[in-house]
């Protein structure tokens, strides 16, 4: 199992260019028709890989939903990251 740590929380309009493909891919998976400039997006770095996991924060009601999604991706979020994310959902 991999560990996911917070790479950053960004508004879509402020998202670093490097993360763009990851966000577009996640939007397609989630069947998200539109990404608004002010949507908050969390980028989680998957430790030991060059991969990232994207969370559209308005899609979650609680931290358990995030944990479940990451578990399905064979990842576990660290406690500090989870507390920060909880403050944004």
C-alpha atoms as a PDB file:
ATOM      1  CA  UNK A   1       0.000   0.000   0.000  1.00  0.00           C
ATOM      2  CA  UNK A   2       1.241   3.483  -0.904  1.00  0.00           C
ATOM      3  CA  UNK A   3       1.125   6.607   1.268  1.00  0.00           C
ATOM      4  CA  UNK A   4      -0.520   9.758  -0.104  1.00  0.00           C
ATOM      5  CA  UNK A   5       0.713  13.125   1.146  1.00  0.00           C
ATOM      6  CA  UNK A   6      -0.622  16.555   0.350  1.00  0.00           C
ATOM      7  CA  UNK A   7       1.142  18.203  -2.574  1.00  0.00           C
ATOM      8  CA  UNK A   8      -1.118  21.228  -2.422  1.00  0.00           C
ATOM      9  CA  UNK A   9      -4.630  22.617  -2.560  1.00  0.00           C
ATOM     10  CA  UNK A  10      -5.294  24.954  -5.457  1.00  0.00           C
ATOM     11  CA  UNK A  11      -8.113  26.781  -7.107  1.00  0.00           C
ATOM     12  CA  UNK A  12      -8.332  25.521 -10.675  1.00  0.00           C
ATOM     13  CA  UNK A  13      -7.307  28.926 -12.040  1.00  0.00           C
ATOM     14  CA  UNK A  14      -4.114  28.807  -9.899  1.00  0.00           C
ATOM     15  CA  UNK A  15      -3.230  25.180 -10.601  1.00  0.00           C
ATOM     16  CA  UNK A  16       0.414  24.653 -11.615  1.00  0.00           C
ATOM     17  CA  UNK A  17       0.642  23.615 -15.244  1.00  0.00           C
ATOM     18  CA  UNK A  18       2.337  20.298 -14.411  1.00  0.00           C
ATOM     19  CA  UNK A  19      -0.819  19.048 -12.698  1.00  0.00           C
ATOM     20  CA  UNK A  20      -3.143  19.875 -15.596  1.00  0.00           C
ATOM     21  CA  UNK A  21      -3.099  16.411 -17.232  1.00  0.00           C
ATOM     22  CA  UNK A  22      -3.820  14.712 -13.897  1.00  0.00           C
ATOM     23  CA  UNK A  23      -6.777  17.015 -13.257  1.00  0.00           C
ATOM     24  CA  UNK A  24      -8.186  16.487 -16.758  1.00  0.00           C
ATOM     25  CA  UNK A  25      -7.834  12.718 -16.376  1.00  0.00           C
ATOM     26  CA  UNK A  26      -9.604  12.729 -13.001  1.00  0.00           C
ATOM     27  CA  UNK A  27     -12.366  14.953 -14.411  1.00  0.00           C
ATOM     28  CA  UNK A  28     -12.939  12.422 -17.195  1.00  0.00           C
ATOM     29  CA  UNK A  29     -13.062   9.516 -14.728  1.00  0.00           C
ATOM     30  CA  UNK A  30     -15.523  11.397 -12.506  1.00  0.00           C
ATOM     31  CA  UNK A  31     -17.577  12.417 -15.570  1.00  0.00           C
ATOM     32  CA  UNK A  32     -17.183  16.016 -14.447  1.00  0.00           C
ATOM     33  CA  UNK A  33     -18.503  18.085 -17.319  1.00  0.00           C
ATOM     34  CA  UNK A  34     -16.989  21.371 -16.262  1.00  0.00           C
ATOM     35  CA  UNK A  35     -14.207  22.621 -14.026  1.00  0.00           C
ATOM     36  CA  UNK A  36     -14.786  26.131 -12.713  1.00  0.00           C
ATOM     37  CA  UNK A  37     -11.933  28.545 -12.040  1.00  0.00           C
ATOM     38  CA  UNK A  38     -12.722  28.628  -8.317  1.00  0.00           C
ATOM     39  CA  UNK A  39     -13.078  24.857  -7.803  1.00  0.00           C
ATOM     40  CA  UNK A  40     -10.739  23.672  -5.047  1.00  0.00           C
ATOM     41  CA  UNK A  41      -8.533  20.791  -6.088  1.00  0.00           C
ATOM     42  CA  UNK A  42      -6.231  18.810  -3.820  1.00  0.00           C
ATOM     43  CA  UNK A  43      -3.191  17.167  -5.320  1.00  0.00           C
ATOM     44  CA  UNK A  44      -1.901  14.198  -3.369  1.00  0.00           C
ATOM     45  CA  UNK A  45       1.592  12.916  -4.048  1.00  0.00           C
ATOM     46  CA  UNK A  46       1.905   9.147  -3.947  1.00  0.00           C
ATOM     47  CA  UNK A  47       5.138   8.521  -2.024  1.00  0.00           C
ATOM     48  CA  UNK A  48       7.672   6.385  -3.854  1.00  0.00           C
ATOM     49  CA  UNK A  49       6.131   7.003  -7.264  1.00  0.00           C
ATOM     50  CA  UNK A  50       5.940   9.904  -9.680  1.00  0.00           C
ATOM     51  CA  UNK A  51       2.156   9.720  -9.504  1.00  0.00           C
ATOM     52  CA  UNK A  52      -0.447  12.076  -8.125  1.00  0.00           C
ATOM     53  CA  UNK A  53      -4.027  11.583  -7.021  1.00  0.00           C
ATOM     54  CA  UNK A  54      -6.495  14.399  -7.679  1.00  0.00           C
ATOM     55  CA  UNK A  55      -9.429  15.251  -5.436  1.00  0.00           C
ATOM     56  CA  UNK A  56     -12.133  17.718  -6.469  1.00  0.00           C
ATOM     57  CA  UNK A  57     -12.923  18.780  -2.926  1.00  0.00           C
ATOM     58  CA  UNK A  58     -16.548  19.716  -3.622  1.00  0.00           C
ATOM     59  CA  UNK A  59     -17.195  16.043  -4.459  1.00  0.00           C
ATOM     60  CA  UNK A  60     -16.739  14.812  -0.887  1.00  0.00           C
ATOM     61  CA  UNK A  61     -18.958  15.096   2.179  1.00  0.00           C
ATOM     62  CA  UNK A  62     -16.491  13.721   4.709  1.00  0.00           C
ATOM     63  CA  UNK A  63     -13.003  12.331   5.119  1.00  0.00           C
ATOM     64  CA  UNK A  64     -14.201   8.723   5.037  1.00  0.00           C
ATOM     65  CA  UNK A  65     -15.168   9.148   1.384  1.00  0.00           C
ATOM     66  CA  UNK A  66     -11.620  10.288   0.625  1.00  0.00           C
ATOM     67  CA  UNK A  67     -10.143   7.380   2.562  1.00  0.00           C
ATOM     68  CA  UNK A  68     -12.350   4.914   0.674  1.00  0.00           C
ATOM     69  CA  UNK A  69     -11.326   6.329  -2.701  1.00  0.00           C
ATOM     70  CA  UNK A  70      -7.653   6.132  -1.820  1.00  0.00           C
ATOM     71  CA  UNK A  71      -8.029   2.602  -0.454  1.00  0.00           C
ATOM     72  CA  UNK A  72      -9.432   1.580  -3.846  1.00  0.00           C
ATOM     73  CA  UNK A  73      -6.278   3.071  -5.398  1.00  0.00           C
ATOM     74  CA  UNK A  74      -4.138   1.034  -2.970  1.00  0.00           C
ATOM     75  CA  UNK A  75      -3.107   4.153  -1.059  1.00  0.00           C
ATOM     76  CA  UNK A  76      -3.486   5.428   2.461  1.00  0.00           C
ATOM     77  CA  UNK A  77      -3.575   9.118   3.326  1.00  0.00           C
ATOM     78  CA  UNK A  78      -1.364  10.321   6.151  1.00  0.00           C
ATOM     79  CA  UNK A  79      -2.992  11.863   9.235  1.00  0.00           C
ATOM     80  CA  UNK A  80      -1.723  15.423   8.686  1.00  0.00           C
ATOM     81  CA  UNK A  81      -2.989  15.464   5.106  1.00  0.00           C
ATOM     82  CA  UNK A  82      -6.351  14.075   6.176  1.00  0.00           C
ATOM     83  CA  UNK A  83      -6.804  16.813   8.794  1.00  0.00           C
ATOM     84  CA  UNK A  84      -5.977  19.533   6.264  1.00  0.00           C
ATOM     85  CA  UNK A  85      -8.361  18.075   3.699  1.00  0.00           C
ATOM     86  CA  UNK A  86     -11.111  17.794   6.300  1.00  0.00           C
ATOM     87  CA  UNK A  87     -10.870  21.559   6.804  1.00  0.00           C
ATOM     88  CA  UNK A  88     -11.615  22.086   3.106  1.00  0.00           C
ATOM     89  CA  UNK A  89     -14.627  19.785   2.672  1.00  0.00           C
END
